[in-house]
Structures are given as structure tokens and as C-alpha cells.
Amino acid sequence: LARWLATDPRMLILDEPPRGIDVAAKGEIMEQVMDLCDKGMAVVFISSEMAEALRYSDRVIVMRDRRKVADLASGDTDEQAVYQIIAGGQA
């Protein structure tokens, strides 16, 4: 992450960024990512952990079979509703 931030990007795409690291390091990384968002950086956060995606996101896009099936504000969405959409329910 530090190497990419040294390039002064306007946007980051993070695919499962905290996977495989300890809980303390995970918290530090996500705190830094949220600070970047607060400063105006765009961050695309890809996560298979729904609770994590909802906790750190302003907006959640649900994709199925390479197509967008829902575009949700994370504050208005609970984990079960997203799982239902993923499984094929209505948005």
C-alpha cells in the first residue's frame, strides 16, 4: 500500500486488502484507507466479507455474472438484504 501511495494516486482499487494479516494490522490499514477517503481519494474496495464491505463503504455495488444487479447506499442496507440480492432476489 505504501508503495502505491508514494505515486500520489487519485484512485485506489483494493482487492481484499486486509486478507491474511493480523487484526491489529488490518485495523491500521483500514484506518489509513478511510483517512484517504476523507481527504477526497476515490477507493474501490472489493471484499467477500459483507460486514466489512458495508462498514467501510458509502456505496455498495452488487455484481452477479459480471453484471451490476444492485447499487445501494451502505447505510440503508443490511447484510441479509445484500445476501438476498446476491442470491438472485430483487434490489
C-alpha atoms as a PDB file:
ATOM      1  CA  LEU A   1       0.000   0.000   0.000  1.00  0.00           C
ATOM      2  CA  ALA A   2       2.795   2.413   0.889  1.00  0.00           C
ATOM      3  CA  ARG A   3       4.477   1.855  -2.481  1.00  0.00           C
ATOM      4  CA  TRP A   4       1.283   2.739  -4.362  1.00  0.00           C
ATOM      5  CA  LEU A   5       0.587   5.761  -2.169  1.00  0.00           C
ATOM      6  CA  ALA A   6       4.080   7.082  -2.979  1.00  0.00           C
ATOM      7  CA  THR A   7       2.876   7.576  -6.584  1.00  0.00           C
ATOM      8  CA  ASP A   8       0.240  10.076  -5.338  1.00  0.00           C
ATOM      9  CA  PRO A   9      -2.734   8.350  -6.991  1.00  0.00           C
ATOM     10  CA  ARG A  10      -6.200   9.888  -7.334  1.00  0.00           C
ATOM     11  CA  MET A  11      -7.847   6.482  -7.000  1.00  0.00           C
ATOM     12  CA  LEU A  12      -7.032   3.116  -5.434  1.00  0.00           C
ATOM     13  CA  ILE A  13      -8.516  -0.264  -6.257  1.00  0.00           C
ATOM     14  CA  LEU A  14      -8.119  -2.545  -3.252  1.00  0.00           C
ATOM     15  CA  ASP A  15      -8.993  -6.211  -3.750  1.00  0.00           C
ATOM     16  CA  GLU A  16      -9.351  -7.904  -0.343  1.00  0.00           C
ATOM     17  CA  PRO A  17      -6.755  -5.568   1.239  1.00  0.00           C
ATOM     18  CA  PRO A  18      -6.819  -6.914   4.807  1.00  0.00           C
ATOM     19  CA  ARG A  19      -6.905 -10.618   3.875  1.00  0.00           C
ATOM     20  CA  GLY A  20      -4.198 -12.679   5.512  1.00  0.00           C
ATOM     21  CA  ILE A  21      -2.949 -10.106   8.027  1.00  0.00           C
ATOM     22  CA  ASP A  22      -3.417  -9.898  11.767  1.00  0.00           C
ATOM     23  CA  VAL A  23      -6.301  -7.963  13.327  1.00  0.00           C
ATOM     24  CA  ALA A  24      -4.161  -5.042  14.555  1.00  0.00           C
ATOM     25  CA  ALA A  25      -2.541  -4.510  11.146  1.00  0.00           C
ATOM     26  CA  LYS A  26      -5.945  -4.825   9.471  1.00  0.00           C
ATOM     27  CA  GLY A  27      -7.303  -2.036  11.661  1.00  0.00           C
ATOM     28  CA  GLU A  28      -4.344   0.218  10.888  1.00  0.00           C
ATOM     29  CA  ILE A  29      -4.624  -0.339   7.138  1.00  0.00           C
ATOM     30  CA  MET A  30      -8.353   0.328   7.087  1.00  0.00           C
ATOM     31  CA  GLU A  31      -7.883   3.444   9.213  1.00  0.00           C
ATOM     32  CA  GLN A  32      -5.376   4.765   6.675  1.00  0.00           C
ATOM     33  CA  VAL A  33      -7.723   3.919   3.796  1.00  0.00           C
ATOM     34  CA  MET A  34     -10.595   5.745   5.493  1.00  0.00           C
ATOM     35  CA  ASP A  35      -8.342   8.778   6.076  1.00  0.00           C
ATOM     36  CA  LEU A  36      -7.559   8.804   2.351  1.00  0.00           C
ATOM     37  CA  CYS A  37     -11.286   8.720   1.584  1.00  0.00           C
ATOM     38  CA  ASP A  38     -11.901  11.598   3.994  1.00  0.00           C
ATOM     39  CA  LYS A  39      -9.263  13.588   2.082  1.00  0.00           C
ATOM     40  CA  GLY A  40     -11.117  13.002  -1.189  1.00  0.00           C
ATOM     41  CA  MET A  41      -9.397   9.964  -2.700  1.00  0.00           C
ATOM     42  CA  ALA A  42     -11.643   7.547  -4.565  1.00  0.00           C
ATOM     43  CA  VAL A  43     -11.278   3.976  -3.334  1.00  0.00           C
ATOM     44  CA  VAL A  44     -12.825   0.913  -4.934  1.00  0.00           C
ATOM     45  CA  PHE A  45     -12.914  -1.697  -2.192  1.00  0.00           C
ATOM     46  CA  ILE A  46     -13.501  -5.293  -3.244  1.00  0.00           C
ATOM     47  CA  SER A  47     -14.384  -7.645  -0.410  1.00  0.00           C
ATOM     48  CA  SER A  48     -16.006 -11.027   0.020  1.00  0.00           C
ATOM     49  CA  GLU A  49     -16.759 -10.147   3.655  1.00  0.00           C
ATOM     50  CA  MET A  50     -20.137  -8.429   3.526  1.00  0.00           C
ATOM     51  CA  ALA A  51     -19.997  -6.897   7.014  1.00  0.00           C
ATOM     52  CA  GLU A  52     -16.618  -5.367   6.165  1.00  0.00           C
ATOM     53  CA  ALA A  53     -17.851  -4.005   2.839  1.00  0.00           C
ATOM     54  CA  LEU A  54     -20.869  -2.390   4.490  1.00  0.00           C
ATOM     55  CA  ARG A  55     -18.788  -0.979   7.371  1.00  0.00           C
ATOM     56  CA  TYR A  56     -16.246   0.770   5.133  1.00  0.00           C
ATOM     57  CA  SER A  57     -18.333   1.765   2.124  1.00  0.00           C
ATOM     58  CA  ASP A  58     -20.513   4.718   1.227  1.00  0.00           C
ATOM     59  CA  ARG A  59     -21.969   2.792  -1.671  1.00  0.00           C
ATOM     60  CA  VAL A  60     -22.214  -0.918  -2.440  1.00  0.00           C
ATOM     61  CA  ILE A  61     -22.449  -2.322  -5.948  1.00  0.00           C
ATOM     62  CA  VAL A  62     -23.607  -5.941  -6.115  1.00  0.00           C
ATOM     63  CA  MET A  63     -22.467  -7.873  -9.173  1.00  0.00           C
ATOM     64  CA  ARG A  64     -23.623 -11.266 -10.381  1.00  0.00           C
ATOM     65  CA  ASP A  65     -22.432 -12.992 -13.561  1.00  0.00           C
ATOM     66  CA  ARG A  66     -20.286  -9.917 -14.430  1.00  0.00           C
ATOM     67  CA  ARG A  67     -23.321  -7.614 -14.340  1.00  0.00           C
ATOM     68  CA  LYS A  68     -24.373  -4.959 -11.873  1.00  0.00           C
ATOM     69  CA  VAL A  69     -27.572  -6.125 -10.197  1.00  0.00           C
ATOM     70  CA  ALA A  70     -27.830  -3.525  -7.429  1.00  0.00           C
ATOM     71  CA  ASP A  71     -26.450  -0.130  -6.462  1.00  0.00           C
ATOM     72  CA  LEU A  72     -27.054   0.530  -2.760  1.00  0.00           C
ATOM     73  CA  ALA A  73     -26.207   3.157  -0.174  1.00  0.00           C
ATOM     74  CA  SER A  74     -24.448   1.140   2.524  1.00  0.00           C
ATOM     75  CA  GLY A  75     -26.139   2.982   5.390  1.00  0.00           C
ATOM     76  CA  ASP A  76     -29.552   1.888   4.103  1.00  0.00           C
ATOM     77  CA  THR A  77     -28.576  -1.738   3.600  1.00  0.00           C
ATOM     78  CA  ASP A  78     -28.203  -4.656   5.960  1.00  0.00           C
ATOM     79  CA  GLU A  79     -26.085  -7.723   5.391  1.00  0.00           C
ATOM     80  CA  GLN A  80     -29.033 -10.103   4.892  1.00  0.00           C
ATOM     81  CA  ALA A  81     -30.594  -7.868   2.219  1.00  0.00           C
ATOM     82  CA  VAL A  82     -27.349  -7.856   0.252  1.00  0.00           C
ATOM     83  CA  TYR A  83     -27.024 -11.641   0.515  1.00  0.00           C
ATOM     84  CA  GLN A  84     -30.578 -11.962  -0.810  1.00  0.00           C
ATOM     85  CA  ILE A  85     -29.708  -9.761  -3.788  1.00  0.00           C
ATOM     86  CA  ILE A  86     -26.550 -11.776  -4.445  1.00  0.00           C
ATOM     87  CA  ALA A  87     -28.600 -14.980  -4.404  1.00  0.00           C
ATOM     88  CA  GLY A  88     -30.941 -13.618  -7.033  1.00  0.00           C
ATOM     89  CA  GLY A  89     -33.558 -11.624  -5.146  1.00  0.00           C
ATOM     90  CA  GLN A  90     -34.742  -8.150  -6.088  1.00  0.00           C
ATOM     91  CA  ALA A  91     -32.818  -4.960  -5.295  1.00  0.00           C
END
